[in-house]
Protein backbone atom coordinates (compact mmCIF):
# COMPACT_ATOMS: atom_id res chain seq x y z
CA MET A 1 -71.65 61.59 -51.31
CA ARG A 2 -68.62 61.53 -53.54
CA SER A 3 -67.27 64.74 -51.92
CA ARG A 4 -67.49 63.20 -48.43
CA VAL A 5 -65.18 60.25 -49.24
CA PRO A 6 -62.13 62.32 -50.04
CA ARG A 7 -62.80 64.39 -46.91
CA LEU A 8 -62.95 61.25 -44.80
CA LEU A 9 -59.75 59.97 -46.33
CA VAL A 10 -58.03 63.25 -45.67
CA LEU A 11 -59.25 63.21 -42.07
CA LEU A 12 -58.08 59.63 -41.55
CA ALA A 13 -54.69 60.45 -43.06
CA LEU A 14 -54.39 63.46 -40.77
CA VAL A 15 -55.26 61.38 -37.70
CA ALA A 16 -52.70 58.75 -38.76
CA LEU A 17 -50.08 61.42 -39.28
CA ILE A 18 -50.72 62.92 -35.85
CA GLY A 19 -50.63 59.47 -34.26
CA ALA A 20 -47.33 58.66 -35.94
CA GLY A 21 -45.92 61.98 -34.77
CA LEU A 22 -47.03 61.35 -31.20
CA TRP A 23 -45.52 57.84 -31.27
CA ALA A 24 -42.25 59.19 -32.68
CA TRP A 25 -42.19 61.92 -30.03
CA ARG A 26 -42.77 59.40 -27.22
CA ASP A 27 -40.18 57.08 -28.73
CA HIS A 28 -37.69 59.92 -28.90
CA ARG A 29 -38.35 60.88 -25.27
CA ASP A 30 -38.18 57.31 -23.97
CA PRO A 31 -34.97 57.15 -21.86
CA VAL A 32 -34.17 53.54 -22.74
CA ARG A 33 -34.48 54.17 -26.48
CA ALA A 34 -32.61 57.48 -26.22
CA TRP A 35 -29.77 55.75 -24.38
CA GLY A 36 -29.70 52.95 -26.94
CA ARG A 37 -29.45 55.44 -29.79
CA ALA A 38 -26.62 57.30 -28.07
CA VAL A 39 -24.40 54.28 -27.36
CA HIS A 40 -25.01 52.85 -30.84
CA SER A 41 -24.54 56.16 -32.60
CA PRO A 42 -22.13 56.17 -35.57
CA ASP A 43 -20.66 59.37 -34.13
CA PRO A 44 -17.76 58.48 -31.74
CA ALA A 45 -18.23 61.69 -29.76
CA THR A 46 -21.89 60.88 -29.07
CA ARG A 47 -21.01 57.37 -27.91
CA ALA A 48 -18.17 58.60 -25.72
CA GLY A 49 -20.38 61.31 -24.22
CA ALA A 50 -23.05 58.78 -23.27
CA TRP A 51 -20.57 56.60 -21.39
CA SER A 52 -18.73 59.46 -19.70
CA GLY A 53 -22.06 60.89 -18.54
CA LEU A 54 -23.02 57.53 -17.10
CA ARG A 55 -19.73 57.24 -15.20
CA GLU A 56 -20.09 60.75 -13.80
CA ASP A 57 -23.77 60.58 -12.83
CA GLY A 58 -24.08 56.87 -12.05
CA LEU A 59 -27.45 56.80 -13.82
CA ILE A 60 -28.85 56.78 -17.33
CA PRO A 61 -30.88 60.01 -17.71
CA GLY A 62 -34.49 59.29 -16.85
CA LEU A 63 -33.82 55.91 -15.20
CA ASP A 64 -33.30 54.85 -11.60
CA ARG A 65 -30.36 52.76 -10.40
CA GLU A 66 -32.01 49.39 -10.91
CA ALA A 67 -33.15 50.24 -14.45
CA THR A 68 -29.70 51.66 -15.25
CA LEU A 69 -27.97 48.47 -14.15
CA LYS A 70 -30.40 46.43 -16.20
CA GLN A 71 -29.52 48.36 -19.35
CA VAL A 72 -25.76 48.16 -18.74
CA PHE A 73 -25.96 44.43 -18.01
CA ALA A 74 -27.83 43.96 -21.30
CA LEU A 75 -25.05 45.76 -23.19
CA LEU A 76 -22.49 43.26 -21.89
CA ASP A 77 -23.85 40.93 -24.58
CA ASP A 78 -24.03 43.53 -27.36
CA PRO A 79 -22.75 42.35 -30.77
CA ASP A 80 -20.41 45.37 -30.91
CA ALA A 81 -17.17 44.65 -29.01
CA ASP A 82 -16.57 48.36 -28.35
CA ILE A 83 -19.94 48.62 -26.63
CA ARG A 84 -19.32 45.46 -24.60
CA GLY A 85 -15.97 46.86 -23.50
CA ALA A 86 -17.45 50.24 -22.55
CA ALA A 87 -20.18 48.51 -20.51
CA VAL A 88 -17.58 46.39 -18.73
CA SER A 89 -15.50 49.45 -17.79
CA ALA A 90 -18.53 51.44 -16.64
CA LEU A 91 -19.93 48.69 -14.44
CA PRO A 92 -17.66 49.13 -11.36
CA THR A 93 -18.51 52.84 -11.16
CA LEU A 94 -22.20 51.96 -10.79
CA GLY A 95 -21.57 49.97 -7.63
CA PRO A 96 -23.41 46.73 -8.38
CA GLY A 97 -23.25 43.99 -5.77
CA PRO A 98 -20.96 41.02 -6.38
CA ASP A 99 -23.82 38.58 -7.05
CA PRO A 100 -24.92 40.12 -10.35
CA ALA A 101 -21.57 41.66 -11.34
CA ILE A 102 -18.97 38.91 -10.84
CA PRO A 103 -20.54 36.17 -12.98
CA ARG A 104 -21.23 38.61 -15.80
CA LEU A 105 -17.68 39.98 -15.74
CA ALA A 106 -16.33 36.43 -15.53
CA ASP A 107 -18.26 35.68 -18.72
CA ARG A 108 -16.58 38.65 -20.42
CA LEU A 109 -13.19 37.19 -19.43
CA ARG A 110 -14.05 34.56 -22.06
CA ASP A 111 -15.03 37.17 -24.66
CA ASP A 112 -13.80 36.69 -28.23
CA ASN A 113 -12.35 40.20 -28.17
CA ARG A 114 -9.01 40.63 -26.38
CA LYS A 115 -9.67 44.26 -25.36
CA VAL A 116 -12.95 43.27 -23.73
CA ARG A 117 -11.17 40.55 -21.75
CA VAL A 118 -8.54 43.06 -20.56
CA ARG A 119 -11.27 45.41 -19.39
CA ALA A 120 -13.16 42.58 -17.70
CA ALA A 121 -10.10 41.64 -15.65
CA ALA A 122 -9.60 45.24 -14.50
CA ALA A 123 -13.31 45.60 -13.70
CA LEU A 124 -13.29 42.46 -11.53
CA GLY A 125 -10.50 43.94 -9.44
CA GLU A 126 -12.38 47.21 -9.02
CA VAL A 127 -15.66 45.52 -8.06
CA VAL A 128 -14.01 43.54 -5.25
CA ARG A 129 -11.28 45.96 -4.16
CA ARG A 130 -10.68 46.78 -0.48
CA GLY A 131 -11.98 43.46 0.78
CA ARG A 132 -15.48 43.79 -0.59
CA PRO A 133 -17.71 40.68 -0.73
CA GLY A 134 -17.22 38.23 -3.56
CA ARG A 135 -13.46 38.09 -3.24
CA GLU A 136 -13.04 34.33 -3.65
CA ARG A 137 -15.28 34.20 -6.71
CA ALA A 138 -13.33 37.08 -8.27
CA VAL A 139 -10.01 35.34 -7.55
CA GLU A 140 -11.25 32.15 -9.22
CA ALA A 141 -12.40 34.08 -12.27
CA LEU A 142 -9.12 35.99 -12.52
CA ALA A 143 -7.18 32.75 -12.15
CA LYS A 144 -8.63 31.73 -15.50
CA GLY A 145 -7.49 35.07 -16.91
CA LEU A 146 -3.94 34.16 -15.87
CA ASP A 147 -4.03 31.35 -18.44
CA ASP A 148 -5.36 33.52 -21.26
CA PRO A 149 -3.44 33.23 -24.56
CA SER A 150 -3.07 37.03 -24.65
CA PRO A 151 -0.23 38.45 -22.50
CA GLU A 152 -2.23 41.67 -22.09
CA VAL A 153 -5.09 39.76 -20.49
CA ARG A 154 -2.69 37.84 -18.25
CA ALA A 155 -1.01 41.08 -17.14
CA ALA A 156 -4.39 42.71 -16.48
CA SER A 157 -5.45 39.67 -14.43
CA VAL A 158 -2.25 39.85 -12.38
CA ASP A 159 -2.81 43.55 -11.70
CA ALA A 160 -6.46 42.91 -10.77
CA LEU A 161 -5.41 40.26 -8.27
CA GLY A 162 -3.13 42.85 -6.73
CA VAL A 163 -6.14 45.13 -6.35
CA VAL A 164 -8.24 42.33 -4.85
CA VAL A 165 -5.71 41.53 -2.10
CA PHE A 166 -5.39 45.24 -1.21
CA ARG A 167 -7.12 45.47 2.15
CA GLY A 168 -5.51 48.32 4.04
CA GLY A 169 -3.17 51.28 3.97
CA LYS A 170 -3.44 54.46 1.97
CA ALA A 171 -4.62 54.14 -1.61
CA ASP A 172 -1.58 56.06 -2.91
CA ASP A 173 0.94 53.93 -0.99
CA PRO A 174 2.42 51.12 -3.08
CA LEU A 175 3.27 49.21 0.12
CA ARG A 176 -0.40 48.56 0.55
CA SER A 177 -1.11 45.47 2.57
CA GLY A 178 1.89 43.24 3.11
CA ARG A 179 -0.39 40.17 3.26
CA LYS A 180 2.30 37.83 2.03
CA ASP A 181 0.36 34.77 3.19
CA ASP A 182 -2.62 35.57 0.93
CA PRO A 183 -3.32 32.48 -1.23
CA ALA A 184 -4.25 34.72 -4.16
CA LEU A 185 -0.61 35.78 -4.32
CA ASP A 186 0.44 32.18 -5.00
CA ARG A 187 -1.33 32.46 -8.33
CA VAL A 188 0.50 35.71 -9.03
CA ALA A 189 3.87 34.16 -8.11
CA ALA A 190 3.35 31.47 -10.75
CA ARG A 191 3.39 34.24 -13.39
CA LEU A 192 7.04 35.03 -12.57
CA GLU A 193 7.75 32.24 -15.03
CA ASP A 194 5.47 33.66 -17.74
CA VAL A 195 6.85 33.67 -21.27
CA ASP A 196 6.00 37.37 -21.61
CA GLU A 197 8.31 39.90 -20.00
CA ASN A 198 5.57 42.41 -19.17
CA VAL A 199 3.52 39.74 -17.37
CA ARG A 200 6.57 38.74 -15.31
CA ILE A 201 7.22 42.36 -14.37
CA GLU A 202 3.58 42.96 -13.41
CA ALA A 203 3.67 39.84 -11.23
CA ALA A 204 6.88 41.02 -9.58
CA TYR A 205 5.37 44.42 -8.84
CA VAL A 206 2.25 42.94 -7.22
CA LEU A 207 4.41 40.60 -5.14
CA ALA A 208 6.71 43.48 -4.18
CA CYS A 209 3.73 45.43 -2.86
CA ASN A 210 2.92 42.50 -0.60
CA ASP A 211 6.43 41.66 0.66
CA ARG A 212 6.85 38.65 -1.61
CA GLY A 213 9.08 39.88 -4.40
CA ASP A 214 12.56 38.85 -3.30
CA GLU A 215 12.70 35.99 -5.79
CA ALA A 216 12.06 38.47 -8.61
CA VAL A 217 15.04 40.75 -7.87
CA PRO A 218 17.48 39.00 -10.29
CA MET A 219 14.96 39.15 -13.14
CA LEU A 220 14.06 42.81 -12.51
CA SER A 221 17.70 43.83 -12.13
CA LYS A 222 18.60 42.14 -15.40
CA ILE A 223 15.87 44.02 -17.28
CA VAL A 224 17.08 47.38 -15.94
CA LYS A 225 20.75 46.60 -16.55
CA GLU A 226 20.17 45.60 -20.16
CA GLN A 227 18.63 48.94 -21.09
CA PRO A 228 20.86 51.20 -23.23
CA ASP A 229 22.46 54.00 -21.22
CA ALA A 230 21.89 56.69 -23.83
CA LYS A 231 18.10 56.28 -23.98
CA PRO A 232 15.28 56.79 -21.45
CA LEU A 233 14.11 53.62 -19.78
CA ALA A 234 11.59 51.69 -21.86
CA TYR A 235 8.27 50.74 -20.23
CA PRO A 236 9.38 47.26 -19.06
CA ALA A 237 12.48 48.75 -17.40
CA GLU A 238 10.43 51.59 -15.88
CA ARG A 239 8.06 49.07 -14.36
CA SER A 240 10.99 46.95 -13.19
CA LEU A 241 12.61 49.96 -11.53
CA LEU A 242 9.35 50.78 -9.76
CA ALA A 243 9.07 47.20 -8.49
CA LEU A 244 12.67 47.31 -7.27
CA MET A 245 11.98 50.59 -5.49
CA VAL A 246 9.05 49.03 -3.64
CA LEU A 247 11.09 45.93 -2.87
CA ALA A 248 14.04 47.94 -1.57
CA ALA A 249 11.96 49.04 1.43
CA ARG A 250 12.26 45.48 2.73
CA SER A 251 14.83 43.71 0.58
CA ASP A 252 18.61 43.94 1.02
CA ALA A 253 19.18 42.68 -2.52
CA ALA A 254 16.88 45.24 -4.16
CA ALA A 255 18.33 48.13 -2.12
CA ALA A 256 21.88 47.04 -2.91
CA PHE A 257 21.09 46.96 -6.62
CA LEU A 258 19.63 50.48 -6.60
CA VAL A 259 22.68 51.83 -4.76
CA SER A 260 25.04 50.10 -7.18
CA GLU A 261 23.20 51.68 -10.12
CA LEU A 262 24.16 55.14 -8.81
CA SER A 263 27.47 54.70 -10.64
CA ARG A 264 25.85 54.50 -14.08
CA ASP A 265 25.85 57.41 -16.50
CA ARG A 266 22.36 56.80 -17.84
CA ASP A 267 19.69 59.12 -19.15
CA GLY A 268 17.58 60.18 -16.17
CA TYR A 269 20.09 58.92 -13.61
CA PRO A 270 21.28 59.45 -10.93
CA ASP A 271 18.63 61.84 -9.55
CA ARG A 272 15.96 59.29 -10.36
CA LEU A 273 17.71 56.60 -8.33
CA ARG A 274 18.31 58.91 -5.40
CA ASP A 275 14.59 59.75 -5.38
CA CYS A 276 13.75 56.03 -5.37
CA LEU A 277 16.10 55.36 -2.47
CA LEU A 278 14.83 58.36 -0.51
CA TRP A 279 11.29 57.04 -0.94
CA ASP A 280 12.49 53.80 0.66
CA VAL A 281 14.25 55.69 3.45
CA ARG A 282 10.91 57.17 4.49
CA ARG A 283 9.15 53.80 4.70
CA SER A 284 10.57 52.68 8.04
CA HIS A 285 13.49 52.97 10.42
CA GLU A 286 14.67 49.54 9.26
CA SER A 287 14.63 50.66 5.64
CA ARG A 288 16.54 53.83 6.48
CA GLU A 289 19.23 51.91 8.34
CA ARG A 290 19.60 49.47 5.44
CA ILE A 291 20.13 52.20 2.86
CA LEU A 292 22.32 54.27 5.18
CA LYS A 293 24.63 51.28 5.62
CA LEU A 294 24.77 50.65 1.86
CA ALA A 295 25.47 54.33 1.09
CA MET A 296 28.22 54.50 3.70
CA SER A 297 29.79 51.41 2.22
CA ALA A 298 29.61 52.95 -1.26
CA LEU A 299 31.77 55.84 -0.03
CA GLU A 300 34.64 53.35 -0.02
CA SER A 301 34.02 52.19 -3.59
CA GLU A 302 36.79 52.29 -6.16
CA THR A 303 34.32 53.85 -8.62
CA PRO A 304 34.33 57.66 -8.24
CA ALA A 305 30.82 58.06 -9.67
CA LEU A 306 29.42 55.69 -7.04
CA ARG A 307 31.26 57.46 -4.23
CA HIS A 308 30.07 60.88 -5.36
CA ASN A 309 26.44 59.91 -5.81
CA ALA A 310 26.41 58.01 -2.54
CA ALA A 311 27.63 61.18 -0.86
CA LEU A 312 24.81 63.17 -2.47
CA LEU A 313 22.34 60.54 -1.28
CA LEU A 314 23.70 60.74 2.27
CA HIS A 315 23.34 64.50 2.20
CA ARG A 316 19.68 64.22 1.22
CA MET A 317 19.23 61.68 4.00
CA GLY A 318 20.53 64.23 6.51
CA SER A 319 23.95 62.60 6.92
CA GLY A 320 25.94 64.89 4.66
CA GLN A 321 28.61 65.75 7.22
CA THR A 322 29.83 62.17 7.22
CA ALA A 323 30.34 62.46 3.46
CA ALA A 324 31.78 65.99 3.29
CA ALA A 325 35.10 64.82 1.87
CA GLN A 326 33.37 62.92 -0.92
CA LEU A 327 31.11 65.90 -1.65
CA VAL A 328 34.23 67.99 -2.12
CA ASP A 329 35.69 65.32 -4.37
CA ALA A 330 32.40 65.27 -6.35
CA LEU A 331 33.26 68.78 -7.59
CA LYS A 332 35.67 67.00 -9.97
CA ASP A 333 33.08 64.53 -11.26
CA PRO A 334 32.72 64.36 -15.08
CA SER A 335 28.95 64.94 -14.76
CA ILE A 336 27.89 68.59 -14.66
CA GLU A 337 24.72 67.59 -12.79
CA VAL A 338 26.75 65.87 -10.08
CA ARG A 339 29.01 68.91 -9.71
CA LEU A 340 25.99 71.20 -9.41
CA ARG A 341 24.37 68.92 -6.81
CA ALA A 342 27.66 68.78 -4.90
CA ILE A 343 27.81 72.59 -4.65
CA GLU A 344 24.21 72.68 -3.40
CA SER A 345 24.98 70.01 -0.82
CA LEU A 346 28.12 71.76 0.40
CA LEU A 347 26.19 75.01 0.60
CA ASP A 348 23.62 73.30 2.84
CA LEU A 349 26.41 71.95 5.07
CA GLY A 350 28.13 75.32 5.37
CA PRO A 351 31.89 75.73 5.91
CA VAL A 352 32.04 72.98 8.55
CA ASP A 353 35.12 71.46 6.91
CA PRO A 354 38.20 73.57 6.13
CA SER A 355 38.39 72.09 2.63
CA ILE A 356 34.86 73.15 1.59
CA VAL A 357 35.43 76.87 0.86
CA PRO A 358 38.69 76.36 -1.10
CA ALA A 359 37.01 73.60 -3.15
CA ILE A 360 34.08 75.86 -4.03
CA GLU A 361 36.50 78.69 -4.86
CA ALA A 362 38.21 76.32 -7.29
CA ALA A 363 34.80 75.47 -8.77
CA THR A 364 34.39 79.12 -9.84
CA GLU A 365 36.90 78.20 -12.58
CA ASP A 366 34.89 75.14 -13.66
CA PRO A 367 34.70 74.56 -17.45
CA ALA A 368 30.89 74.66 -17.24
CA GLU A 369 29.45 78.15 -16.90
CA GLU A 370 26.46 77.02 -14.84
CA VAL A 371 28.80 75.38 -12.32
CA GLN A 372 30.83 78.60 -12.11
CA PHE A 373 27.71 80.65 -11.38
CA ARG A 374 26.51 78.17 -8.76
CA ALA A 375 29.91 78.21 -7.04
CA ILE A 376 30.04 82.03 -7.02
CA GLY A 377 26.54 82.11 -5.51
CA ALA A 378 27.60 79.64 -2.82
CA LEU A 379 30.62 81.76 -1.89
CA GLN A 380 28.44 84.86 -1.65
CA ALA A 381 26.08 82.98 0.68
CA PHE A 382 29.00 81.92 2.85
CA GLN A 383 30.25 85.52 2.99
CA LEU A 384 26.82 86.66 4.13
CA GLY A 385 26.98 84.06 6.87
CA ALA A 386 23.85 82.19 5.72
CA ALA A 387 23.35 79.29 3.34
CA GLY A 388 20.74 80.67 0.99
CA PRO A 389 19.92 80.11 -2.66
CA PRO A 390 22.78 80.71 -5.09
CA VAL A 391 23.07 84.27 -6.39
CA THR A 392 23.84 84.65 -10.09
CA PRO A 393 26.30 87.48 -10.71
């Protein structure tokens, strides 16, 4: 009898051990628990991998769409701000309808964590982009984000409103909708008076994309002008320049400012400005005529740098013959880049003007070796009777 008791205890312990192992195995294989362990893992790579996999596949492994959304919605209230933020960012990629998504994202716009609020604003724009249902509710939620104490949240809310009013056009075209009468843009316009420079610039850009940015031209121009010449444009000036480029497609003031900036010897100029203006030229016939008129007027400027760069712009617009004299004169510009561009432009024109070949011959004695080589190559191309790429001797 005594020998049976230990046997029974051993058997019971074995059964308990097997049962615990089976429970642990089932717990480990349970998709909800496995997902929870991954997103709460102390290893950053494991957490990141779980979220990137969700964004790519649109599902939590082992769960259907409804169950996946349920789990992501639950994580919007997680105590960990990083997890709440990741859930917010992942939500638009899962394609939830506006009814469950908008109120939950609006709640996160009141989150204690600033980064979560920034992500919530961006997610609201993505959920309702391209005129999807729920637009008015999203606008109302984002309007509250415009009053957030954090400038980052306000800027994100402005950008999201720009996404919400985007209803047509190509996704890669900054001139996206032109719906200047959209009431949502009135809320954006109010941010032109924001105390934070980046918020003002973001508001100006959104308005520019919708043909409502004229009132922001003085502010944007001032930001660009105040940047030091010897350094690359800082982010606020970069964003301002982009907004001015978009505006210049429809605004005389913005186009005139960009043309006037051609005279500045700044890091990254003037090729950058010519590219901006050429982008505007391609927007419409009206835009082309506006910039053509401004460039022609700049040929009469008392500032040589402006005349020379206006001539290079006209050449790239296909009107180089009208600026041939200034292209020849540009071979004396202090900027090596301008002199090189002038040779290329004159090479494209060919010897249509009797002063072109002698001017390029003189450029073979230029102080800069690269200009000499480019001029020699141009002369060789002329001698061959075809304007081809420069030949280095």
